Amino acid sequence: MTRRATLIVVPREVSVRELRNRTAEVVAAVRSGERLSLTVNRTPVADIVPHAPAHDPWVASTTLRRIVEEAGADDRLLDDLAVVRGTTIDES
């Protein structure tokens, strides 16, 4: 039986002072994909991570209908979605 080692990636710590004095180097590290942990008095306070563009989880109804037709989903799926589409969300 072979055991696999689990690789845990621990972000490099960057103090507020280092960030202030070496901003360009810190930004370059993040730009290259490195994840950093910002610290104040050696206590982590924030993560500095590469930007990931948010994607819109919604798709056009025509796209959804095409997916349903191609996938051969349950015939009642569109009826169920019509019920959900008719509900409102309380934003309070």
PDB file of N, CA and C in Angstrom:
ATOM      1  N   MET A   1       0.844  -1.179   0.000  1.00  0.00           N
ATOM      2  CA  MET A   1       0.000   0.000   0.000  1.00  0.00           C
ATOM      3  C   MET A   1       0.892   1.245   0.000  1.00  0.00           C
ATOM      4  N   THR A   2       0.621   2.158  -0.922  1.00  0.00           N
ATOM      5  CA  THR A   2       1.418   3.369  -1.049  1.00  0.00           C
ATOM      6  C   THR A   2       0.706   4.516  -0.351  1.00  0.00           C
ATOM      7  N   ARG A   3       1.462   5.259   0.426  1.00  0.00           N
ATOM      8  CA  ARG A   3       0.897   6.430   1.105  1.00  0.00           C
ATOM      9  C   ARG A   3       1.276   7.677   0.326  1.00  0.00           C
ATOM     10  N   ARG A   4       0.336   8.539   0.144  1.00  0.00           N
ATOM     11  CA  ARG A   4       0.591   9.794  -0.550  1.00  0.00           C
ATOM     12  C   ARG A   4       0.783  10.904   0.466  1.00  0.00           C
ATOM     13  N   ALA A   5       1.773  11.731   0.214  1.00  0.00           N
ATOM     14  CA  ALA A   5       1.999  12.880   1.085  1.00  0.00           C
ATOM     15  C   ALA A   5       1.036  13.988   0.683  1.00  0.00           C
ATOM     16  N   THR A   6       0.512  14.678   1.661  1.00  0.00           N
ATOM     17  CA  THR A   6      -0.378  15.799   1.402  1.00  0.00           C
ATOM     18  C   THR A   6       0.453  17.075   1.444  1.00  0.00           C
ATOM     19  N   LEU A   7       0.395  17.823   0.352  1.00  0.00           N
ATOM     20  CA  LEU A   7       1.134  19.072   0.273  1.00  0.00           C
ATOM     21  C   LEU A   7       0.243  20.201   0.761  1.00  0.00           C
ATOM     22  N   ILE A   8       0.696  20.873   1.791  1.00  0.00           N
ATOM     23  CA  ILE A   8      -0.045  22.016   2.326  1.00  0.00           C
ATOM     24  C   ILE A   8       0.734  23.274   1.968  1.00  0.00           C
ATOM     25  N   VAL A   9       0.089  24.156   1.230  1.00  0.00           N
ATOM     26  CA  VAL A   9       0.740  25.395   0.829  1.00  0.00           C
ATOM     27  C   VAL A   9       0.429  26.454   1.870  1.00  0.00           C
ATOM     28  N   VAL A  10       1.474  26.909   2.559  1.00  0.00           N
ATOM     29  CA  VAL A  10       1.318  27.941   3.573  1.00  0.00           C
ATOM     30  C   VAL A  10       1.738  29.261   2.948  1.00  0.00           C
ATOM     31  N   PRO A  11       0.856  30.257   2.977  1.00  0.00           N
ATOM     32  CA  PRO A  11       1.219  31.530   2.363  1.00  0.00           C
ATOM     33  C   PRO A  11       2.405  32.169   3.078  1.00  0.00           C
ATOM     34  N   ARG A  12       3.242  32.820   2.293  1.00  0.00           N
ATOM     35  CA  ARG A  12       4.377  33.545   2.876  1.00  0.00           C
ATOM     36  C   ARG A  12       3.828  34.739   3.636  1.00  0.00           C
ATOM     37  N   GLU A  13       4.402  35.003   4.795  1.00  0.00           N
ATOM     38  CA  GLU A  13       3.954  36.137   5.595  1.00  0.00           C
ATOM     39  C   GLU A  13       4.691  37.407   5.184  1.00  0.00           C
ATOM     40  N   VAL A  14       3.929  38.488   5.111  1.00  0.00           N
ATOM     41  CA  VAL A  14       4.474  39.791   4.768  1.00  0.00           C
ATOM     42  C   VAL A  14       3.986  40.758   5.835  1.00  0.00           C
ATOM     43  N   SER A  15       4.933  41.399   6.516  1.00  0.00           N
ATOM     44  CA  SER A  15       4.534  42.358   7.543  1.00  0.00           C
ATOM     45  C   SER A  15       4.087  43.658   6.894  1.00  0.00           C
ATOM     46  N   VAL A  16       3.355  44.450   7.648  1.00  0.00           N
ATOM     47  CA  VAL A  16       2.914  45.748   7.154  1.00  0.00           C
ATOM     48  C   VAL A  16       4.141  46.593   6.800  1.00  0.00           C
ATOM     49  N   ARG A  17       5.179  46.508   7.598  1.00  0.00           N
ATOM     50  CA  ARG A  17       6.402  47.261   7.323  1.00  0.00           C
ATOM     51  C   ARG A  17       7.020  46.810   5.995  1.00  0.00           C
ATOM     52  N   GLU A  18       7.101  45.489   5.774  1.00  0.00           N
ATOM     53  CA  GLU A  18       7.650  44.985   4.515  1.00  0.00           C
ATOM     54  C   GLU A  18       6.785  45.430   3.333  1.00  0.00           C
ATOM     55  N   LEU A  19       5.484  45.395   3.512  1.00  0.00           N
ATOM     56  CA  LEU A  19       4.584  45.844   2.450  1.00  0.00           C
ATOM     57  C   LEU A  19       4.833  47.309   2.122  1.00  0.00           C
ATOM     58  N   ARG A  20       5.006  48.117   3.147  1.00  0.00           N
ATOM     59  CA  ARG A  20       5.255  49.547   2.946  1.00  0.00           C
ATOM     60  C   ARG A  20       6.604  49.783   2.254  1.00  0.00           C
ATOM     61  N   ASN A  21       7.633  49.064   2.696  1.00  0.00           N
ATOM     62  CA  ASN A  21       8.978  49.305   2.171  1.00  0.00           C
ATOM     63  C   ASN A  21       9.253  48.605   0.833  1.00  0.00           C
ATOM     64  N   ARG A  22       8.510  47.549   0.524  1.00  0.00           N
ATOM     65  CA  ARG A  22       8.789  46.759  -0.681  1.00  0.00           C
ATOM     66  C   ARG A  22       7.507  46.493  -1.474  1.00  0.00           C
ATOM     67  N   THR A  23       6.677  47.509  -1.589  1.00  0.00           N
ATOM     68  CA  THR A  23       5.375  47.353  -2.227  1.00  0.00           C
ATOM     69  C   THR A  23       5.479  46.744  -3.618  1.00  0.00           C
ATOM     70  N   ALA A  24       6.374  47.243  -4.440  1.00  0.00           N
ATOM     71  CA  ALA A  24       6.493  46.752  -5.814  1.00  0.00           C
ATOM     72  C   ALA A  24       6.842  45.266  -5.834  1.00  0.00           C
ATOM     73  N   GLU A  25       7.722  44.826  -4.930  1.00  0.00           N
ATOM     74  CA  GLU A  25       8.101  43.409  -4.882  1.00  0.00           C
ATOM     75  C   GLU A  25       6.934  42.533  -4.416  1.00  0.00           C
ATOM     76  N   VAL A  26       6.170  43.033  -3.447  1.00  0.00           N
ATOM     77  CA  VAL A  26       5.009  42.278  -2.954  1.00  0.00           C
ATOM     78  C   VAL A  26       3.964  42.163  -4.052  1.00  0.00           C
ATOM     79  N   VAL A  27       3.706  43.268  -4.749  1.00  0.00           N
ATOM     80  CA  VAL A  27       2.733  43.244  -5.843  1.00  0.00           C
ATOM     81  C   VAL A  27       3.206  42.297  -6.938  1.00  0.00           C
ATOM     82  N   ALA A  28       4.482  42.304  -7.250  1.00  0.00           N
ATOM     83  CA  ALA A  28       5.021  41.400  -8.276  1.00  0.00           C
ATOM     84  C   ALA A  28       4.835  39.936  -7.868  1.00  0.00           C
ATOM     85  N   ALA A  29       5.040  39.644  -6.585  1.00  0.00           N
ATOM     86  CA  ALA A  29       4.860  38.265  -6.107  1.00  0.00           C
ATOM     87  C   ALA A  29       3.408  37.824  -6.267  1.00  0.00           C
ATOM     88  N   VAL A  30       2.475  38.696  -5.904  1.00  0.00           N
ATOM     89  CA  VAL A  30       1.050  38.368  -6.031  1.00  0.00           C
ATOM     90  C   VAL A  30       0.671  38.256  -7.502  1.00  0.00           C
ATOM     91  N   ARG A  31       1.193  39.146  -8.301  1.00  0.00           N
ATOM     92  CA  ARG A  31       0.909  39.124  -9.741  1.00  0.00           C
ATOM     93  C   ARG A  31       1.385  37.814 -10.374  1.00  0.00           C
ATOM     94  N   SER A  32       2.455  37.244  -9.839  1.00  0.00           N
ATOM     95  CA  SER A  32       2.975  35.984 -10.383  1.00  0.00           C
ATOM     96  C   SER A  32       2.238  34.765  -9.827  1.00  0.00           C
ATOM     97  N   GLY A  33       1.234  35.003  -8.975  1.00  0.00           N
ATOM     98  CA  GLY A  33       0.414  33.902  -8.482  1.00  0.00           C
ATOM     99  C   GLY A  33       0.628  33.525  -7.035  1.00  0.00           C
ATOM    100  N   GLU A  34       1.541  34.187  -6.365  1.00  0.00           N
ATOM    101  CA  GLU A  34       1.819  33.853  -4.960  1.00  0.00           C
ATOM    102  C   GLU A  34       0.724  34.395  -4.046  1.00  0.00           C
ATOM    103  N   ARG A  35       0.379  33.606  -3.037  1.00  0.00           N
ATOM    104  CA  ARG A  35      -0.583  34.030  -2.023  1.00  0.00           C
ATOM    105  C   ARG A  35       0.211  34.474  -0.801  1.00  0.00           C
ATOM    106  N   LEU A  36      -0.132  35.615  -0.237  1.00  0.00           N
ATOM    107  CA  LEU A  36       0.595  36.155   0.898  1.00  0.00           C
ATOM    108  C   LEU A  36      -0.341  36.375   2.078  1.00  0.00           C
ATOM    109  N   SER A  37       0.235  36.351   3.255  1.00  0.00           N
ATOM    110  CA  SER A  37      -0.519  36.627   4.473  1.00  0.00           C
ATOM    111  C   SER A  37       0.045  37.898   5.088  1.00  0.00           C
ATOM    112  N   LEU A  38      -0.777  38.929   5.178  1.00  0.00           N
ATOM    113  CA  LEU A  38      -0.351  40.199   5.750  1.00  0.00           C
ATOM    114  C   LEU A  38      -0.416  40.113   7.269  1.00  0.00           C
ATOM    115  N   THR A  39       0.670  40.524   7.928  1.00  0.00           N
ATOM    116  CA  THR A  39       0.719  40.418   9.386  1.00  0.00           C
ATOM    117  C   THR A  39       0.952  41.775  10.036  1.00  0.00           C
ATOM    118  N   VAL A  40       0.433  41.901  11.242  1.00  0.00           N
ATOM    119  CA  VAL A  40       0.689  43.053  12.104  1.00  0.00           C
ATOM    120  C   VAL A  40       1.167  42.468  13.419  1.00  0.00           C
ATOM    121  N   ASN A  41       2.364  42.833  13.828  1.00  0.00           N
ATOM    122  CA  ASN A  41       2.977  42.263  15.038  1.00  0.00           C
ATOM    123  C   ASN A  41       2.951  40.736  15.006  1.00  0.00           C
ATOM    124  N   ARG A  42       3.277  40.176  13.850  1.00  0.00           N
ATOM    125  CA  ARG A  42       3.353  38.729  13.591  1.00  0.00           C
ATOM    126  C   ARG A  42       2.002  38.009  13.660  1.00  0.00           C
ATOM    127  N   THR A  43       0.925  38.766  13.701  1.00  0.00           N
ATOM    128  CA  THR A  43      -0.415  38.184  13.717  1.00  0.00           C
ATOM    129  C   THR A  43      -1.048  38.367  12.341  1.00  0.00           C
ATOM    130  N   PRO A  44      -1.455  37.281  11.695  1.00  0.00           N
ATOM    131  CA  PRO A  44      -2.090  37.422  10.385  1.00  0.00           C
ATOM    132  C   PRO A  44      -3.387  38.224  10.482  1.00  0.00           C
ATOM    133  N   VAL A  45      -3.528  39.206   9.593  1.00  0.00           N
ATOM    134  CA  VAL A  45      -4.733  40.033   9.589  1.00  0.00           C
ATOM    135  C   VAL A  45      -5.473  40.007   8.260  1.00  0.00           C
ATOM    136  N   ALA A  46      -4.786  39.609   7.182  1.00  0.00           N
ATOM    137  CA  ALA A  46      -5.437  39.588   5.870  1.00  0.00           C
ATOM    138  C   ALA A  46      -4.650  38.698   4.918  1.00  0.00           C
ATOM    139  N   ASP A  47      -5.335  38.228   3.915  1.00  0.00           N
ATOM    140  CA  ASP A  47      -4.693  37.471   2.847  1.00  0.00           C
ATOM    141  C   ASP A  47      -4.617  38.351   1.618  1.00  0.00           C
ATOM    142  N   ILE A  48      -3.469  38.321   0.973  1.00  0.00           N
ATOM    143  CA  ILE A  48      -3.298  39.034  -0.288  1.00  0.00           C
ATOM    144  C   ILE A  48      -3.179  37.944  -1.346  1.00  0.00           C
ATOM    145  N   VAL A  49      -4.161  37.886  -2.217  1.00  0.00           N
ATOM    146  CA  VAL A  49      -4.215  36.800  -3.200  1.00  0.00           C
ATOM    147  C   VAL A  49      -4.348  37.380  -4.601  1.00  0.00           C
ATOM    148  N   PRO A  50      -3.929  36.626  -5.608  1.00  0.00           N
ATOM    149  CA  PRO A  50      -4.105  37.101  -6.979  1.00  0.00           C
ATOM    150  C   PRO A  50      -5.574  37.333  -7.283  1.00  0.00           C
ATOM    151  N   HIS A  51      -5.821  38.331  -8.089  1.00  0.00           N
ATOM    152  CA  HIS A  51      -7.196  38.667  -8.463  1.00  0.00           C
ATOM    153  C   HIS A  51      -7.793  37.565  -9.329  1.00  0.00           C
ATOM    154  N   ALA A  52      -9.008  37.204  -9.018  1.00  0.00           N
ATOM    155  CA  ALA A  52      -9.750  36.233  -9.825  1.00  0.00           C
ATOM    156  C   ALA A  52     -11.040  36.909 -10.265  1.00  0.00           C
ATOM    157  N   PRO A  53     -11.199  37.121 -11.559  1.00  0.00           N
ATOM    158  CA  PRO A  53     -12.420  37.792 -12.012  1.00  0.00           C
ATOM    159  C   PRO A  53     -13.655  36.997 -11.625  1.00  0.00           C
ATOM    160  N   ALA A  54     -14.639  37.698 -11.122  1.00  0.00           N
ATOM    161  CA  ALA A  54     -15.888  37.041 -10.742  1.00  0.00           C
ATOM    162  C   ALA A  54     -16.652  36.675 -12.007  1.00  0.00           C
ATOM    163  N   HIS A  55     -17.301  35.558 -11.973  1.00  0.00           N
ATOM    164  CA  HIS A  55     -18.123  35.193 -13.121  1.00  0.00           C
ATOM    165  C   HIS A  55     -19.581  35.222 -12.712  1.00  0.00           C
ATOM    166  N   ASP A  56     -20.387  35.603 -13.637  1.00  0.00           N
ATOM    167  CA  ASP A  56     -21.823  35.716 -13.411  1.00  0.00           C
ATOM    168  C   ASP A  56     -22.428  34.312 -13.429  1.00  0.00           C
ATOM    169  N   PRO A  57     -23.058  33.877 -12.328  1.00  0.00           N
ATOM    170  CA  PRO A  57     -23.607  32.526 -12.292  1.00  0.00           C
ATOM    171  C   PRO A  57     -24.878  32.363 -13.122  1.00  0.00           C
ATOM    172  N   TRP A  58     -25.430  33.475 -13.584  1.00  0.00           N
ATOM    173  CA  TRP A  58     -26.680  33.408 -14.333  1.00  0.00           C
ATOM    174  C   TRP A  58     -26.404  33.212 -15.815  1.00  0.00           C
ATOM    175  N   VAL A  59     -27.270  32.472 -16.460  1.00  0.00           N
ATOM    176  CA  VAL A  59     -27.172  32.277 -17.904  1.00  0.00           C
ATOM    177  C   VAL A  59     -28.498  32.690 -18.526  1.00  0.00           C
ATOM    178  N   ALA A  60     -28.440  33.021 -19.789  1.00  0.00           N
ATOM    179  CA  ALA A  60     -29.656  33.418 -20.498  1.00  0.00           C
ATOM    180  C   ALA A  60     -30.615  32.237 -20.568  1.00  0.00           C
ATOM    181  N   SER A  61     -31.910  32.532 -20.569  1.00  0.00           N
ATOM    182  CA  SER A  61     -32.909  31.458 -20.608  1.00  0.00           C
ATOM    183  C   SER A  61     -32.774  30.619 -21.873  1.00  0.00           C
ATOM    184  N   THR A  62     -32.372  31.251 -22.976  1.00  0.00           N
ATOM    185  CA  THR A  62     -32.188  30.480 -24.215  1.00  0.00           C
ATOM    186  C   THR A  62     -31.059  29.469 -24.062  1.00  0.00           C
ATOM    187  N   THR A  63     -30.016  29.860 -23.347  1.00  0.00           N
ATOM    188  CA  THR A  63     -28.895  28.948 -23.092  1.00  0.00           C
ATOM    189  C   THR A  63     -29.344  27.801 -22.203  1.00  0.00           C
ATOM    190  N   LEU A  64     -30.110  28.117 -21.168  1.00  0.00           N
ATOM    191  CA  LEU A  64     -30.602  27.075 -20.263  1.00  0.00           C
ATOM    192  C   LEU A  64     -31.501  26.095 -21.004  1.00  0.00           C
ATOM    193  N   ARG A  65     -32.363  26.614 -21.837  1.00  0.00           N
ATOM    194  CA  ARG A  65     -33.257  25.734 -22.604  1.00  0.00           C
ATOM    195  C   ARG A  65     -32.455  24.815 -23.534  1.00  0.00           C
ATOM    196  N   ARG A  66     -31.407  25.369 -24.171  1.00  0.00           N
ATOM    197  CA  ARG A  66     -30.571  24.558 -25.056  1.00  0.00           C
ATOM    198  C   ARG A  66     -29.868  23.454 -24.269  1.00  0.00           C
ATOM    199  N   ILE A  67     -29.353  23.791 -23.085  1.00  0.00           N
ATOM    200  CA  ILE A  67     -28.686  22.795 -22.240  1.00  0.00           C
ATOM    201  C   ILE A  67     -29.657  21.691 -21.850  1.00  0.00           C
ATOM    202  N   VAL A  68     -30.861  22.083 -21.448  1.00  0.00           N
ATOM    203  CA  VAL A  68     -31.867  21.100 -21.041  1.00  0.00           C
ATOM    204  C   VAL A  68     -32.223  20.185 -22.213  1.00  0.00           C
ATOM    205  N   GLU A  69     -32.381  20.770 -23.386  1.00  0.00           N
ATOM    206  CA  GLU A  69     -32.718  19.960 -24.568  1.00  0.00           C
ATOM    207  C   GLU A  69     -31.595  18.996 -24.918  1.00  0.00           C
ATOM    208  N   GLU A  70     -30.358  19.466 -24.862  1.00  0.00           N
ATOM    209  CA  GLU A  70     -29.223  18.621 -25.228  1.00  0.00           C
ATOM    210  C   GLU A  70     -28.928  17.552 -24.182  1.00  0.00           C
ATOM    211  N   ALA A  71     -29.163  17.874 -22.923  1.00  0.00           N
ATOM    212  CA  ALA A  71     -28.820  16.952 -21.839  1.00  0.00           C
ATOM    213  C   ALA A  71     -29.916  15.921 -21.596  1.00  0.00           C
ATOM    214  N   GLY A  72     -31.085  16.172 -22.116  1.00  0.00           N
ATOM    215  CA  GLY A  72     -32.175  15.237 -21.875  1.00  0.00           C
ATOM    216  C   GLY A  72     -32.590  15.206 -20.411  1.00  0.00           C
ATOM    217  N   ALA A  73     -32.678  16.375 -19.815  1.00  0.00           N
ATOM    218  CA  ALA A  73     -33.040  16.468 -18.402  1.00  0.00           C
ATOM    219  C   ALA A  73     -34.494  16.063 -18.190  1.00  0.00           C
ATOM    220  N   ASP A  74     -34.863  15.945 -16.956  1.00  0.00           N
ATOM    221  CA  ASP A  74     -36.223  15.613 -16.549  1.00  0.00           C
ATOM    222  C   ASP A  74     -37.204  16.553 -17.256  1.00  0.00           C
ATOM    223  N   ASP A  75     -38.252  16.000 -17.822  1.00  0.00           N
ATOM    224  CA  ASP A  75     -39.243  16.786 -18.565  1.00  0.00           C
ATOM    225  C   ASP A  75     -39.894  17.869 -17.706  1.00  0.00           C
ATOM    226  N   ARG A  76     -39.942  17.671 -16.402  1.00  0.00           N
ATOM    227  CA  ARG A  76     -40.604  18.642 -15.528  1.00  0.00           C
ATOM    228  C   ARG A  76     -39.652  19.718 -15.017  1.00  0.00           C
ATOM    229  N   LEU A  77     -38.370  19.687 -15.415  1.00  0.00           N
ATOM    230  CA  LEU A  77     -37.408  20.667 -14.923  1.00  0.00           C
ATOM    231  C   LEU A  77     -37.839  22.094 -15.238  1.00  0.00           C
ATOM    232  N   LEU A  78     -38.259  22.343 -16.459  1.00  0.00           N
ATOM    233  CA  LEU A  78     -38.672  23.701 -16.811  1.00  0.00           C
ATOM    234  C   LEU A  78     -39.876  24.153 -15.997  1.00  0.00           C
ATOM    235  N   ASP A  79     -40.789  23.224 -15.662  1.00  0.00           N
ATOM    236  CA  ASP A  79     -41.922  23.578 -14.803  1.00  0.00           C
ATOM    237  C   ASP A  79     -41.429  23.971 -13.414  1.00  0.00           C
ATOM    238  N   ASP A  80     -40.469  23.205 -12.889  1.00  0.00           N
ATOM    239  CA  ASP A  80     -39.904  23.524 -11.574  1.00  0.00           C
ATOM    240  C   ASP A  80     -39.205  24.880 -11.600  1.00  0.00           C
ATOM    241  N   LEU A  81     -38.463  25.145 -12.667  1.00  0.00           N
ATOM    242  CA  LEU A  81     -37.769  26.425 -12.779  1.00  0.00           C
ATOM    243  C   LEU A  81     -38.763  27.579 -12.903  1.00  0.00           C
ATOM    244  N   ALA A  82     -39.884  27.354 -13.561  1.00  0.00           N
ATOM    245  CA  ALA A  82     -40.901  28.399 -13.689  1.00  0.00           C
ATOM    246  C   ALA A  82     -41.439  28.780 -12.316  1.00  0.00           C
ATOM    247  N   VAL A  83     -41.597  27.798 -11.438  1.00  0.00           N
ATOM    248  CA  VAL A  83     -42.069  28.076 -10.079  1.00  0.00           C
ATOM    249  C   VAL A  83     -41.041  28.919  -9.335  1.00  0.00           C
ATOM    250  N   VAL A  84     -39.766  28.547  -9.440  1.00  0.00           N
ATOM    251  CA  VAL A  84     -38.708  29.277  -8.760  1.00  0.00           C
ATOM    252  C   VAL A  84     -38.585  30.687  -9.329  1.00  0.00           C
ATOM    253  N   ARG A  85     -38.684  30.791 -10.636  1.00  0.00           N
ATOM    254  CA  ARG A  85     -38.551  32.096 -11.293  1.00  0.00           C
ATOM    255  C   ARG A  85     -39.642  33.049 -10.806  1.00  0.00           C
ATOM    256  N   GLY A  86     -40.791  32.539 -10.427  1.00  0.00           N
ATOM    257  CA  GLY A  86     -41.889  33.376  -9.982  1.00  0.00           C
ATOM    258  C   GLY A  86     -41.752  33.868  -8.545  1.00  0.00           C
ATOM    259  N   THR A  87     -40.797  33.316  -7.798  1.00  0.00           N
ATOM    260  CA  THR A  87     -40.633  33.745  -6.414  1.00  0.00           C
ATOM    261  C   THR A  87     -39.771  34.980  -6.335  1.00  0.00           C
ATOM    262  N   THR A  88     -39.909  35.723  -5.251  1.00  0.00           N
ATOM    263  CA  THR A  88     -39.079  36.902  -5.033  1.00  0.00           C
ATOM    264  C   THR A  88     -38.227  36.685  -3.801  1.00  0.00           C
ATOM    265  N   ILE A  89     -37.139  37.419  -3.731  1.00  0.00           N
ATOM    266  CA  ILE A  89     -36.225  37.321  -2.593  1.00  0.00           C
ATOM    267  C   ILE A  89     -36.385  38.578  -1.748  1.00  0.00           C
ATOM    268  N   ASP A  90     -36.570  38.397  -0.469  1.00  0.00           N
ATOM    269  CA  ASP A  90     -36.676  39.519   0.458  1.00  0.00           C
ATOM    270  C   ASP A  90     -35.277  40.032   0.703  1.00  0.00           C
ATOM    271  N   GLU A  91     -34.987  41.257   0.297  1.00  0.00           N
ATOM    272  CA  GLU A  91     -33.627  41.807   0.425  1.00  0.00           C
ATOM    273  C   GLU A  91     -33.400  42.527   1.733  1.00  0.00           C
ATOM    274  N   SER A  92     -34.306  42.394   2.675  1.00  0.00           N
ATOM    275  CA  SER A  92     -34.111  43.113   3.947  1.00  0.00           C
ATOM    276  C   SER A  92     -33.201  42.369   4.867  1.00  0.00           C
TER     277      SER A  92
END
